[in-house]
Amino acid sequence: MARYTGPDCRLCRREGIKLFLKGTKCFSEKCPLVKRKSLPGQHGRTQRKLTEYGLRLREKQKLKRIYGVLERQFRRYFEIASKGKGVTGERLLQILERRLDNVVYRLGWALSRDQARQLVLHRKVSVNGKKINIPSYLVEIGDVIEITDKDLIPVQEALETFSNKYIPAWLEVDEENLKAKVIRFPTRDEIDVPVQEQLIVEFYSR
């Protein structure tokens, strides 16, 4: 299965903002983005003005990296979003939010989406009583998500770290039993990702 295996912090520096890919490190002084404001690479300190194409490309790359999705799958999500009813950009974000690894992260059961992905791959998450090992699995309204191993150390660490984490209103959580239910799909206001999705729509529509 193809996936990015390079340094996560390099991606944050490339986009110029924190993408929160490294869990607690992103909230500490160890975050490389705090120490080095320049772009990665030999010519990182040379800031060039982006073209119209470049602006749209950067928004696409930023959103892909936030959710840990590669180009082929991201393009497929866009095609699904463009064929449905409603605003294409918002539908694209909604689809990405419905990924099982993202839902586990949103519930505060993992320190990062990467860690949430591992929990799913290792069959530590079930949907409607069935263990799922597909991070890209899209949850539906009424689905019940549960951690199968309640004493798992990474999950307990995440719960302690994110004890006061905001849980999106489209998810109903049972904190004691580490269970949650999808009561509806998220709205744009509930998706806190720093992207201009319309630029991504324009990128693929060029």
N, C-alpha and C. Protein backbone atom coordinates (compact mmCIF):
# COMPACT_ATOMS: atom_id res chain seq x y z
N MET A 1 0.85 -1.19 0.00
CA MET A 1 0.00 0.00 0.00
C MET A 1 0.88 1.24 0.00
N ALA A 2 0.73 2.11 -1.00
CA ALA A 2 1.56 3.30 -1.11
C ALA A 2 1.18 4.34 -0.06
N ARG A 3 2.18 4.97 0.51
CA ARG A 3 1.97 6.06 1.45
C ARG A 3 3.26 6.85 1.62
N TYR A 4 3.14 8.08 2.10
CA TYR A 4 4.32 8.92 2.31
C TYR A 4 5.10 8.40 3.52
N THR A 5 6.42 8.23 3.36
CA THR A 5 7.24 7.70 4.45
C THR A 5 8.36 8.66 4.86
N GLY A 6 8.34 9.87 4.31
CA GLY A 6 9.37 10.85 4.66
C GLY A 6 9.07 11.55 5.98
N PRO A 7 9.88 12.54 6.36
CA PRO A 7 9.68 13.27 7.62
C PRO A 7 8.43 14.15 7.57
N ASP A 8 7.54 13.97 8.54
CA ASP A 8 6.29 14.72 8.57
C ASP A 8 6.51 16.22 8.74
N CYS A 9 7.49 16.58 9.56
CA CYS A 9 7.72 18.00 9.85
C CYS A 9 8.14 18.77 8.59
N ARG A 10 8.74 18.07 7.66
CA ARG A 10 9.12 18.71 6.40
C ARG A 10 7.88 19.17 5.63
N LEU A 11 6.80 18.41 5.75
CA LEU A 11 5.56 18.78 5.07
C LEU A 11 4.98 20.06 5.66
N CYS A 12 5.04 20.19 6.98
CA CYS A 12 4.54 21.41 7.63
C CYS A 12 5.35 22.62 7.18
N ARG A 13 6.68 22.45 7.12
CA ARG A 13 7.53 23.55 6.67
C ARG A 13 7.26 23.91 5.23
N ARG A 14 6.98 22.91 4.40
CA ARG A 14 6.70 23.18 2.99
C ARG A 14 5.43 24.00 2.82
N GLU A 15 4.42 23.72 3.64
CA GLU A 15 3.16 24.45 3.53
C GLU A 15 3.16 25.73 4.35
N GLY A 16 4.13 25.88 5.25
CA GLY A 16 4.25 27.11 6.03
C GLY A 16 3.30 27.21 7.20
N ILE A 17 2.60 26.11 7.54
CA ILE A 17 1.70 26.09 8.69
C ILE A 17 1.78 24.73 9.37
N LYS A 18 1.30 24.67 10.60
CA LYS A 18 1.27 23.40 11.31
C LYS A 18 0.12 22.55 10.77
N LEU A 19 0.46 21.35 10.34
CA LEU A 19 -0.55 20.41 9.85
C LEU A 19 -0.92 19.40 10.93
N PHE A 20 -0.25 19.49 12.09
CA PHE A 20 -0.51 18.62 13.24
C PHE A 20 -0.42 17.14 12.87
N LEU A 21 0.74 16.80 12.31
CA LEU A 21 1.00 15.43 11.87
C LEU A 21 1.77 14.61 12.90
N LYS A 22 2.33 15.28 13.93
CA LYS A 22 3.21 14.59 14.88
C LYS A 22 2.69 14.57 16.31
N GLY A 23 1.39 14.71 16.49
CA GLY A 23 0.82 14.61 17.82
C GLY A 23 1.30 15.71 18.76
N THR A 24 1.78 15.32 19.95
CA THR A 24 2.16 16.28 20.98
C THR A 24 3.34 17.15 20.58
N LYS A 25 4.19 16.68 19.68
CA LYS A 25 5.35 17.46 19.25
C LYS A 25 4.92 18.77 18.60
N CYS A 26 3.77 18.75 17.95
CA CYS A 26 3.26 19.95 17.28
C CYS A 26 2.89 21.06 18.26
N PHE A 27 2.63 20.68 19.52
CA PHE A 27 2.24 21.66 20.52
C PHE A 27 3.41 22.10 21.40
N SER A 28 4.60 21.57 21.13
CA SER A 28 5.76 21.87 21.96
C SER A 28 6.77 22.76 21.23
N GLU A 29 7.81 23.17 21.95
CA GLU A 29 8.86 24.00 21.36
C GLU A 29 9.76 23.19 20.43
N LYS A 30 9.60 21.87 20.44
CA LYS A 30 10.41 21.01 19.57
C LYS A 30 9.93 21.04 18.11
N CYS A 31 8.79 21.64 17.89
CA CYS A 31 8.25 21.71 16.54
C CYS A 31 9.22 22.47 15.63
N PRO A 32 9.74 21.85 14.57
CA PRO A 32 10.70 22.50 13.68
C PRO A 32 10.16 23.77 13.03
N LEU A 33 8.84 23.86 12.89
CA LEU A 33 8.26 25.05 12.27
C LEU A 33 8.46 26.28 13.13
N VAL A 34 8.62 26.06 14.44
CA VAL A 34 8.88 27.18 15.35
C VAL A 34 10.31 27.68 15.19
N LYS A 35 11.23 26.73 14.96
CA LYS A 35 12.65 27.08 14.85
C LYS A 35 13.03 27.59 13.47
N ARG A 36 12.44 26.97 12.43
CA ARG A 36 12.83 27.30 11.06
C ARG A 36 11.61 27.72 10.25
N LYS A 37 11.54 29.01 9.94
CA LYS A 37 10.40 29.53 9.21
C LYS A 37 10.53 29.33 7.70
N SER A 38 11.76 29.06 7.24
CA SER A 38 11.98 28.95 5.80
C SER A 38 11.48 27.61 5.28
N LEU A 39 11.31 27.54 3.96
CA LEU A 39 10.89 26.31 3.32
C LEU A 39 12.04 25.31 3.35
N PRO A 40 11.77 24.00 3.30
CA PRO A 40 12.85 23.01 3.31
C PRO A 40 13.62 23.04 2.00
N GLY A 41 14.85 22.52 2.03
CA GLY A 41 15.64 22.44 0.81
C GLY A 41 16.70 23.53 0.72
N GLN A 42 17.56 23.39 -0.27
CA GLN A 42 18.70 24.28 -0.44
C GLN A 42 18.28 25.73 -0.68
N HIS A 43 17.16 25.92 -1.38
CA HIS A 43 16.74 27.27 -1.73
C HIS A 43 15.51 27.70 -0.92
N GLY A 44 15.37 27.11 0.25
CA GLY A 44 14.19 27.37 1.06
C GLY A 44 14.05 28.81 1.52
N ARG A 45 15.16 29.49 1.68
CA ARG A 45 15.09 30.86 2.16
C ARG A 45 14.69 31.85 1.07
N THR A 46 14.68 31.40 -0.17
CA THR A 46 14.29 32.27 -1.27
C THR A 46 12.79 32.17 -1.48
N GLN A 47 12.07 33.16 -0.99
CA GLN A 47 10.62 33.15 -1.08
C GLN A 47 10.18 33.75 -2.41
N ARG A 48 9.49 32.97 -3.21
CA ARG A 48 9.01 33.45 -4.49
C ARG A 48 7.50 33.61 -4.45
N LYS A 49 7.04 34.61 -5.19
CA LYS A 49 5.60 34.83 -5.26
C LYS A 49 4.97 33.73 -6.09
N LEU A 50 3.91 33.14 -5.55
CA LEU A 50 3.25 32.03 -6.24
C LEU A 50 2.38 32.54 -7.38
N THR A 51 2.32 31.76 -8.44
CA THR A 51 1.41 32.04 -9.55
C THR A 51 0.00 31.61 -9.15
N GLU A 52 -0.99 31.92 -9.99
CA GLU A 52 -2.36 31.49 -9.72
C GLU A 52 -2.42 29.96 -9.65
N TYR A 53 -1.70 29.31 -10.55
CA TYR A 53 -1.64 27.85 -10.53
C TYR A 53 -0.98 27.36 -9.25
N GLY A 54 0.11 28.03 -8.87
CA GLY A 54 0.84 27.63 -7.66
C GLY A 54 0.00 27.74 -6.41
N LEU A 55 -0.82 28.78 -6.29
CA LEU A 55 -1.70 28.95 -5.13
C LEU A 55 -2.69 27.79 -5.02
N ARG A 56 -3.25 27.41 -6.15
CA ARG A 56 -4.23 26.32 -6.15
C ARG A 56 -3.57 24.97 -5.87
N LEU A 57 -2.38 24.79 -6.40
CA LEU A 57 -1.63 23.56 -6.16
C LEU A 57 -1.29 23.42 -4.68
N ARG A 58 -0.87 24.51 -4.05
CA ARG A 58 -0.49 24.45 -2.64
C ARG A 58 -1.69 24.11 -1.75
N GLU A 59 -2.87 24.63 -2.08
CA GLU A 59 -4.06 24.31 -1.29
C GLU A 59 -4.39 22.83 -1.41
N LYS A 60 -4.26 22.29 -2.61
CA LYS A 60 -4.51 20.86 -2.81
C LYS A 60 -3.52 20.01 -2.03
N GLN A 61 -2.25 20.36 -2.13
CA GLN A 61 -1.21 19.60 -1.43
C GLN A 61 -1.41 19.68 0.09
N LYS A 62 -1.79 20.85 0.56
CA LYS A 62 -2.01 21.04 1.99
C LYS A 62 -3.11 20.12 2.50
N LEU A 63 -4.24 20.09 1.77
CA LEU A 63 -5.36 19.26 2.21
C LEU A 63 -5.01 17.78 2.14
N LYS A 64 -4.32 17.35 1.10
CA LYS A 64 -3.88 15.96 0.99
C LYS A 64 -3.02 15.56 2.17
N ARG A 65 -2.11 16.44 2.56
CA ARG A 65 -1.17 16.12 3.63
C ARG A 65 -1.82 16.13 5.00
N ILE A 66 -2.80 16.98 5.19
CA ILE A 66 -3.51 17.01 6.48
C ILE A 66 -4.17 15.66 6.73
N TYR A 67 -4.81 15.10 5.71
CA TYR A 67 -5.54 13.84 5.88
C TYR A 67 -4.71 12.60 5.53
N GLY A 68 -3.48 12.80 5.06
CA GLY A 68 -2.62 11.66 4.73
C GLY A 68 -3.09 10.87 3.53
N VAL A 69 -3.57 11.57 2.50
CA VAL A 69 -4.09 10.93 1.31
C VAL A 69 -3.17 11.21 0.13
N LEU A 70 -2.91 10.21 -0.69
CA LEU A 70 -2.08 10.39 -1.88
C LEU A 70 -2.94 10.84 -3.07
N GLU A 71 -2.28 11.23 -4.15
CA GLU A 71 -2.95 11.90 -5.27
C GLU A 71 -4.07 11.08 -5.90
N ARG A 72 -3.83 9.82 -6.17
CA ARG A 72 -4.83 9.01 -6.87
C ARG A 72 -6.13 8.91 -6.07
N GLN A 73 -6.00 8.67 -4.78
CA GLN A 73 -7.19 8.54 -3.94
C GLN A 73 -7.86 9.90 -3.75
N PHE A 74 -7.04 10.95 -3.63
CA PHE A 74 -7.59 12.29 -3.47
C PHE A 74 -8.40 12.68 -4.70
N ARG A 75 -7.88 12.38 -5.87
CA ARG A 75 -8.58 12.68 -7.12
C ARG A 75 -9.91 11.93 -7.19
N ARG A 76 -9.90 10.69 -6.71
CA ARG A 76 -11.15 9.91 -6.71
C ARG A 76 -12.19 10.54 -5.78
N TYR A 77 -11.73 11.02 -4.62
CA TYR A 77 -12.63 11.72 -3.70
C TYR A 77 -13.23 12.96 -4.37
N PHE A 78 -12.40 13.68 -5.11
CA PHE A 78 -12.88 14.88 -5.78
C PHE A 78 -13.94 14.53 -6.83
N GLU A 79 -13.71 13.46 -7.57
CA GLU A 79 -14.67 13.06 -8.59
C GLU A 79 -16.01 12.67 -7.96
N ILE A 80 -15.96 11.98 -6.81
CA ILE A 80 -17.19 11.62 -6.10
C ILE A 80 -17.91 12.88 -5.65
N ALA A 81 -17.14 13.84 -5.10
CA ALA A 81 -17.72 15.09 -4.60
C ALA A 81 -18.35 15.90 -5.72
N SER A 82 -17.71 15.91 -6.87
CA SER A 82 -18.20 16.73 -8.00
C SER A 82 -19.48 16.17 -8.62
N LYS A 83 -19.74 14.88 -8.43
CA LYS A 83 -20.92 14.26 -9.02
C LYS A 83 -22.14 14.34 -8.11
N GLY A 84 -21.94 14.69 -6.85
CA GLY A 84 -23.06 14.76 -5.92
C GLY A 84 -23.71 16.12 -5.90
N LYS A 85 -24.77 16.23 -5.11
CA LYS A 85 -25.48 17.49 -4.96
C LYS A 85 -24.77 18.38 -3.94
N GLY A 86 -24.91 19.68 -4.11
CA GLY A 86 -24.30 20.61 -3.17
C GLY A 86 -23.01 21.19 -3.69
N VAL A 87 -22.31 21.90 -2.80
CA VAL A 87 -21.06 22.57 -3.16
C VAL A 87 -19.93 21.54 -3.18
N THR A 88 -19.23 21.45 -4.30
CA THR A 88 -18.20 20.42 -4.49
C THR A 88 -17.12 20.48 -3.42
N GLY A 89 -16.61 21.67 -3.12
CA GLY A 89 -15.54 21.81 -2.14
C GLY A 89 -15.95 21.32 -0.77
N GLU A 90 -17.16 21.68 -0.36
CA GLU A 90 -17.65 21.25 0.96
C GLU A 90 -17.87 19.75 1.00
N ARG A 91 -18.37 19.20 -0.09
CA ARG A 91 -18.58 17.75 -0.16
C ARG A 91 -17.25 17.00 -0.09
N LEU A 92 -16.22 17.57 -0.71
CA LEU A 92 -14.89 16.95 -0.65
C LEU A 92 -14.39 16.89 0.79
N LEU A 93 -14.53 17.99 1.51
CA LEU A 93 -14.11 18.02 2.91
C LEU A 93 -14.93 17.05 3.75
N GLN A 94 -16.20 16.96 3.45
CA GLN A 94 -17.09 16.06 4.19
C GLN A 94 -16.66 14.60 4.00
N ILE A 95 -16.31 14.25 2.77
CA ILE A 95 -15.85 12.88 2.50
C ILE A 95 -14.56 12.58 3.27
N LEU A 96 -13.63 13.50 3.26
CA LEU A 96 -12.36 13.31 3.99
C LEU A 96 -12.60 13.17 5.49
N GLU A 97 -13.54 13.95 6.01
CA GLU A 97 -13.85 13.87 7.44
C GLU A 97 -14.45 12.53 7.82
N ARG A 98 -15.12 11.90 6.88
CA ARG A 98 -15.80 10.64 7.16
C ARG A 98 -14.86 9.43 7.13
N ARG A 99 -13.61 9.64 6.74
CA ARG A 99 -12.65 8.53 6.78
C ARG A 99 -12.53 8.01 8.21
N LEU A 100 -12.44 6.70 8.36
CA LEU A 100 -12.42 6.10 9.70
C LEU A 100 -11.21 6.56 10.50
N ASP A 101 -10.02 6.68 9.87
CA ASP A 101 -8.85 7.12 10.62
C ASP A 101 -9.04 8.55 11.13
N ASN A 102 -9.70 9.41 10.33
CA ASN A 102 -9.95 10.77 10.78
C ASN A 102 -10.95 10.81 11.93
N VAL A 103 -11.98 9.97 11.85
CA VAL A 103 -12.99 9.93 12.91
C VAL A 103 -12.35 9.53 14.24
N VAL A 104 -11.47 8.52 14.20
CA VAL A 104 -10.77 8.09 15.42
C VAL A 104 -9.95 9.23 15.99
N TYR A 105 -9.30 9.99 15.12
CA TYR A 105 -8.51 11.15 15.55
C TYR A 105 -9.41 12.24 16.13
N ARG A 106 -10.51 12.53 15.47
CA ARG A 106 -11.44 13.56 15.93
C ARG A 106 -12.03 13.23 17.30
N LEU A 107 -12.17 11.95 17.58
CA LEU A 107 -12.72 11.53 18.87
C LEU A 107 -11.71 11.60 20.00
N GLY A 108 -10.45 11.92 19.66
CA GLY A 108 -9.41 12.03 20.69
C GLY A 108 -8.84 10.70 21.12
N TRP A 109 -9.00 9.66 20.29
CA TRP A 109 -8.49 8.33 20.63
C TRP A 109 -7.09 8.10 20.07
N ALA A 110 -6.56 9.06 19.35
CA ALA A 110 -5.21 8.97 18.79
C ALA A 110 -4.59 10.36 18.78
N LEU A 111 -3.26 10.41 18.91
CA LEU A 111 -2.57 11.69 18.97
C LEU A 111 -2.45 12.36 17.60
N SER A 112 -2.56 11.58 16.54
CA SER A 112 -2.46 12.11 15.19
C SER A 112 -3.25 11.20 14.25
N ARG A 113 -3.45 11.67 13.04
CA ARG A 113 -4.14 10.83 12.07
C ARG A 113 -3.30 9.61 11.69
N ASP A 114 -1.98 9.77 11.71
CA ASP A 114 -1.10 8.63 11.44
C ASP A 114 -1.29 7.54 12.48
N GLN A 115 -1.36 7.95 13.75
CA GLN A 115 -1.55 6.97 14.81
C GLN A 115 -2.93 6.34 14.71
N ALA A 116 -3.92 7.13 14.35
CA ALA A 116 -5.28 6.60 14.16
C ALA A 116 -5.28 5.58 13.03
N ARG A 117 -4.51 5.85 11.99
CA ARG A 117 -4.40 4.93 10.86
C ARG A 117 -3.83 3.59 11.33
N GLN A 118 -2.82 3.64 12.20
CA GLN A 118 -2.23 2.41 12.72
C GLN A 118 -3.23 1.61 13.54
N LEU A 119 -4.01 2.31 14.36
CA LEU A 119 -5.02 1.62 15.18
C LEU A 119 -6.00 0.85 14.29
N VAL A 120 -6.40 1.49 13.20
CA VAL A 120 -7.34 0.84 12.29
C VAL A 120 -6.68 -0.34 11.59
N LEU A 121 -5.46 -0.14 11.09
CA LEU A 121 -4.75 -1.21 10.39
C LEU A 121 -4.52 -2.43 11.28
N HIS A 122 -4.33 -2.18 12.58
CA HIS A 122 -4.08 -3.27 13.52
C HIS A 122 -5.37 -3.84 14.11
N ARG A 123 -6.50 -3.47 13.50
CA ARG A 123 -7.80 -4.02 13.87
C ARG A 123 -8.19 -3.72 15.31
N LYS A 124 -7.88 -2.51 15.75
CA LYS A 124 -8.23 -2.08 17.11
C LYS A 124 -9.50 -1.23 17.13
N VAL A 125 -10.12 -1.09 15.95
CA VAL A 125 -11.33 -0.27 15.83
C VAL A 125 -12.41 -1.09 15.14
N SER A 126 -13.62 -1.02 15.67
CA SER A 126 -14.74 -1.73 15.05
C SER A 126 -15.83 -0.74 14.65
N VAL A 127 -16.58 -1.11 13.63
CA VAL A 127 -17.73 -0.32 13.19
C VAL A 127 -18.93 -1.24 13.18
N ASN A 128 -19.93 -0.88 13.97
CA ASN A 128 -21.14 -1.71 14.10
C ASN A 128 -20.80 -3.14 14.52
N GLY A 129 -19.81 -3.27 15.41
CA GLY A 129 -19.44 -4.57 15.95
C GLY A 129 -18.49 -5.38 15.09
N LYS A 130 -18.12 -4.86 13.93
CA LYS A 130 -17.21 -5.58 13.03
C LYS A 130 -15.87 -4.85 12.95
N LYS A 131 -14.78 -5.59 13.19
CA LYS A 131 -13.46 -4.98 13.12
C LYS A 131 -13.14 -4.56 11.69
N ILE A 132 -12.68 -3.32 11.56
CA ILE A 132 -12.35 -2.77 10.24
C ILE A 132 -10.86 -2.43 10.21
N ASN A 133 -10.17 -2.85 9.16
CA ASN A 133 -8.74 -2.54 9.03
C ASN A 133 -8.45 -1.70 7.79
N ILE A 134 -9.43 -0.90 7.39
CA ILE A 134 -9.29 -0.03 6.22
C ILE A 134 -9.41 1.42 6.67
N PRO A 135 -8.29 2.15 6.76
CA PRO A 135 -8.33 3.55 7.23
C PRO A 135 -9.23 4.45 6.41
N SER A 136 -9.38 4.15 5.10
CA SER A 136 -10.19 5.00 4.23
C SER A 136 -11.68 4.65 4.26
N TYR A 137 -12.06 3.72 5.11
CA TYR A 137 -13.46 3.33 5.24
C TYR A 137 -14.29 4.57 5.57
N LEU A 138 -15.37 4.83 4.82
CA LEU A 138 -16.21 6.01 5.04
C LEU A 138 -17.39 5.66 5.94
N VAL A 139 -17.47 6.31 7.07
CA VAL A 139 -18.57 6.04 8.01
C VAL A 139 -19.87 6.63 7.46
N GLU A 140 -20.97 6.03 7.87
CA GLU A 140 -22.30 6.48 7.46
C GLU A 140 -23.09 6.91 8.69
N ILE A 141 -24.17 7.61 8.46
CA ILE A 141 -25.03 8.03 9.58
C ILE A 141 -25.59 6.79 10.28
N GLY A 142 -25.47 6.77 11.60
CA GLY A 142 -25.95 5.63 12.39
C GLY A 142 -24.86 4.64 12.75
N ASP A 143 -23.70 4.74 12.11
CA ASP A 143 -22.59 3.83 12.42
C ASP A 143 -22.10 4.04 13.85
N VAL A 144 -21.76 2.93 14.51
CA VAL A 144 -21.21 2.97 15.87
C VAL A 144 -19.75 2.56 15.81
N ILE A 145 -18.87 3.45 16.21
CA ILE A 145 -17.42 3.19 16.19
C ILE A 145 -16.95 2.91 17.61
N GLU A 146 -16.08 1.91 17.76
CA GLU A 146 -15.64 1.52 19.11
C GLU A 146 -14.19 1.05 19.08
N ILE A 147 -13.46 1.37 20.14
CA ILE A 147 -12.11 0.84 20.34
C ILE A 147 -12.25 -0.54 20.96
N THR A 148 -11.67 -1.55 20.33
CA THR A 148 -11.84 -2.92 20.79
C THR A 148 -10.95 -3.26 21.98
N ASP A 149 -9.80 -2.58 22.09
CA ASP A 149 -8.89 -2.81 23.22
C ASP A 149 -8.84 -1.54 24.06
N LYS A 150 -9.64 -1.51 25.12
CA LYS A 150 -9.80 -0.30 25.93
C LYS A 150 -8.53 0.09 26.69
N ASP A 151 -7.64 -0.88 26.95
CA ASP A 151 -6.43 -0.62 27.74
C ASP A 151 -5.21 -0.35 26.87
N LEU A 152 -5.40 -0.19 25.60
CA LEU A 152 -4.29 0.05 24.68
C LEU A 152 -3.55 1.33 25.08
N ILE A 153 -2.22 1.22 25.25
CA ILE A 153 -1.43 2.35 25.75
C ILE A 153 -1.54 3.60 24.88
N PRO A 154 -1.39 3.52 23.55
CA PRO A 154 -1.52 4.74 22.73
C PRO A 154 -2.87 5.43 22.90
N VAL A 155 -3.93 4.64 23.06
CA VAL A 155 -5.26 5.22 23.24
C VAL A 155 -5.35 5.93 24.58
N GLN A 156 -4.82 5.31 25.62
CA GLN A 156 -4.84 5.93 26.95
C GLN A 156 -4.01 7.21 26.98
N GLU A 157 -2.87 7.20 26.29
CA GLU A 157 -2.04 8.41 26.21
C GLU A 157 -2.77 9.54 25.50
N ALA A 158 -3.46 9.19 24.44
CA ALA A 158 -4.22 10.19 23.69
C ALA A 158 -5.36 10.76 24.53
N LEU A 159 -6.03 9.90 25.28
CA LEU A 159 -7.13 10.34 26.13
C LEU A 159 -6.64 11.30 27.21
N GLU A 160 -5.46 11.01 27.77
CA GLU A 160 -4.89 11.89 28.78
C GLU A 160 -4.45 13.22 28.19
N THR A 161 -3.84 13.17 27.02
CA THR A 161 -3.35 14.38 26.37
C THR A 161 -4.50 15.27 25.90
N PHE A 162 -5.53 14.64 25.33
CA PHE A 162 -6.66 15.39 24.79
C PHE A 162 -7.88 15.29 25.70
N SER A 163 -7.67 15.37 27.00
CA SER A 163 -8.77 15.21 27.95
C SER A 163 -9.86 16.26 27.76
N ASN A 164 -9.48 17.44 27.27
CA ASN A 164 -10.45 18.51 27.06
C ASN A 164 -10.68 18.79 25.58
N LYS A 165 -10.42 17.80 24.74
CA LYS A 165 -10.54 18.01 23.31
C LYS A 165 -11.98 18.22 22.89
N TYR A 166 -12.17 19.15 21.96
CA TYR A 166 -13.50 19.41 21.41
C TYR A 166 -13.89 18.28 20.47
N ILE A 167 -15.04 17.68 20.73
CA ILE A 167 -15.56 16.62 19.86
C ILE A 167 -16.61 17.23 18.95
N PRO A 168 -16.47 17.09 17.64
CA PRO A 168 -17.44 17.67 16.70
C PRO A 168 -18.87 17.22 17.01
N ALA A 169 -19.82 18.13 16.80
CA ALA A 169 -21.22 17.86 17.15
C ALA A 169 -21.85 16.75 16.31
N TRP A 170 -21.23 16.40 15.18
CA TRP A 170 -21.81 15.34 14.33
C TRP A 170 -21.47 13.95 14.85
N LEU A 171 -20.66 13.92 15.93
CA LEU A 171 -20.31 12.65 16.57
C LEU A 171 -20.82 12.64 18.00
N GLU A 172 -21.50 11.57 18.37
CA GLU A 172 -22.00 11.41 19.74
C GLU A 172 -21.13 10.37 20.43
N VAL A 173 -20.44 10.78 21.50
CA VAL A 173 -19.42 9.91 22.09
C VAL A 173 -19.80 9.43 23.47
N ASP A 174 -19.49 8.17 23.74
CA ASP A 174 -19.61 7.56 25.07
C ASP A 174 -18.18 7.41 25.58
N GLU A 175 -17.71 8.39 26.33
CA GLU A 175 -16.31 8.43 26.76
C GLU A 175 -15.93 7.25 27.63
N GLU A 176 -16.83 6.82 28.48
CA GLU A 176 -16.52 5.73 29.42
C GLU A 176 -16.26 4.41 28.70
N ASN A 177 -17.03 4.13 27.65
CA ASN A 177 -16.90 2.87 26.94
C ASN A 177 -16.14 2.97 25.63
N LEU A 178 -15.61 4.18 25.35
CA LEU A 178 -14.86 4.43 24.11
C LEU A 178 -15.66 4.01 22.89
N LYS A 179 -16.89 4.50 22.86
CA LYS A 179 -17.78 4.25 21.73
C LYS A 179 -18.30 5.59 21.23
N ALA A 180 -18.64 5.64 19.97
CA ALA A 180 -19.19 6.86 19.39
C ALA A 180 -20.16 6.50 18.28
N LYS A 181 -21.07 7.41 17.99
CA LYS A 181 -22.07 7.19 16.95
C LYS A 181 -22.09 8.38 16.01
N VAL A 182 -22.21 8.11 14.74
CA VAL A 182 -22.32 9.18 13.73
C VAL A 182 -23.80 9.57 13.65
N ILE A 183 -24.13 10.76 14.10
CA ILE A 183 -25.54 11.17 14.13
C ILE A 183 -25.93 11.97 12.88
N ARG A 184 -24.92 12.51 12.19
CA ARG A 184 -25.15 13.21 10.92
C ARG A 184 -23.80 13.47 10.28
N PHE A 185 -23.81 14.00 9.08
CA PHE A 185 -22.55 14.34 8.42
C PHE A 185 -22.12 15.75 8.82
N PRO A 186 -20.82 16.04 8.83
CA PRO A 186 -20.34 17.35 9.28
C PRO A 186 -20.68 18.48 8.30
N THR A 187 -20.86 19.68 8.84
CA THR A 187 -21.04 20.87 8.03
C THR A 187 -19.69 21.55 7.87
N ARG A 188 -19.58 22.50 6.96
CA ARG A 188 -18.30 23.18 6.72
C ARG A 188 -17.81 23.88 7.98
N ASP A 189 -18.70 24.45 8.76
CA ASP A 189 -18.30 25.17 9.97
C ASP A 189 -17.65 24.25 11.00
N GLU A 190 -17.94 22.96 10.92
CA GLU A 190 -17.41 22.01 11.91
C GLU A 190 -16.11 21.36 11.46
N ILE A 191 -15.64 21.72 10.26
CA ILE A 191 -14.40 21.12 9.74
C ILE A 191 -13.30 22.17 9.84
N ASP A 192 -12.46 22.04 10.86
CA ASP A 192 -11.46 23.07 11.16
C ASP A 192 -10.13 22.81 10.45
N VAL A 193 -10.15 22.82 9.13
CA VAL A 193 -8.91 22.68 8.37
C VAL A 193 -8.64 24.01 7.65
N PRO A 194 -7.40 24.50 7.73
CA PRO A 194 -7.08 25.83 7.17
C PRO A 194 -6.85 25.81 5.66
N VAL A 195 -7.90 25.50 4.91
CA VAL A 195 -7.77 25.46 3.45
C VAL A 195 -8.91 26.24 2.81
N GLN A 196 -8.66 26.72 1.60
CA GLN A 196 -9.70 27.35 0.78
C GLN A 196 -10.09 26.32 -0.28
N GLU A 197 -11.12 25.57 0.03
CA GLU A 197 -11.49 24.44 -0.83
C GLU A 197 -11.88 24.87 -2.24
N GLN A 198 -12.34 26.11 -2.41
CA GLN A 198 -12.72 26.56 -3.74
C GLN A 198 -11.51 26.60 -4.68
N LEU A 199 -10.33 26.89 -4.14
CA LEU A 199 -9.12 26.89 -4.95
C LEU A 199 -8.80 25.48 -5.45
N ILE A 200 -9.14 24.48 -4.63
CA ILE A 200 -8.89 23.09 -5.04
C ILE A 200 -9.84 22.70 -6.16
N VAL A 201 -11.09 23.16 -6.05
CA VAL A 201 -12.07 22.91 -7.11
C VAL A 201 -11.59 23.55 -8.41
N GLU A 202 -11.07 24.76 -8.31
CA GLU A 202 -10.57 25.46 -9.50
C GLU A 202 -9.34 24.76 -10.08
N PHE A 203 -8.52 24.17 -9.21
CA PHE A 203 -7.35 23.45 -9.68
C PHE A 203 -7.75 22.28 -10.58
N TYR A 204 -8.72 21.50 -10.15
CA TYR A 204 -9.14 20.34 -10.93
C TYR A 204 -10.06 20.70 -12.10
N SER A 205 -10.60 21.92 -12.09
CA SER A 205 -11.52 22.33 -13.14
C SER A 205 -10.83 23.12 -14.25
N ARG A 206 -9.51 23.29 -14.11
CA ARG A 206 -8.79 24.13 -15.08
C ARG A 206 -8.75 23.48 -16.47
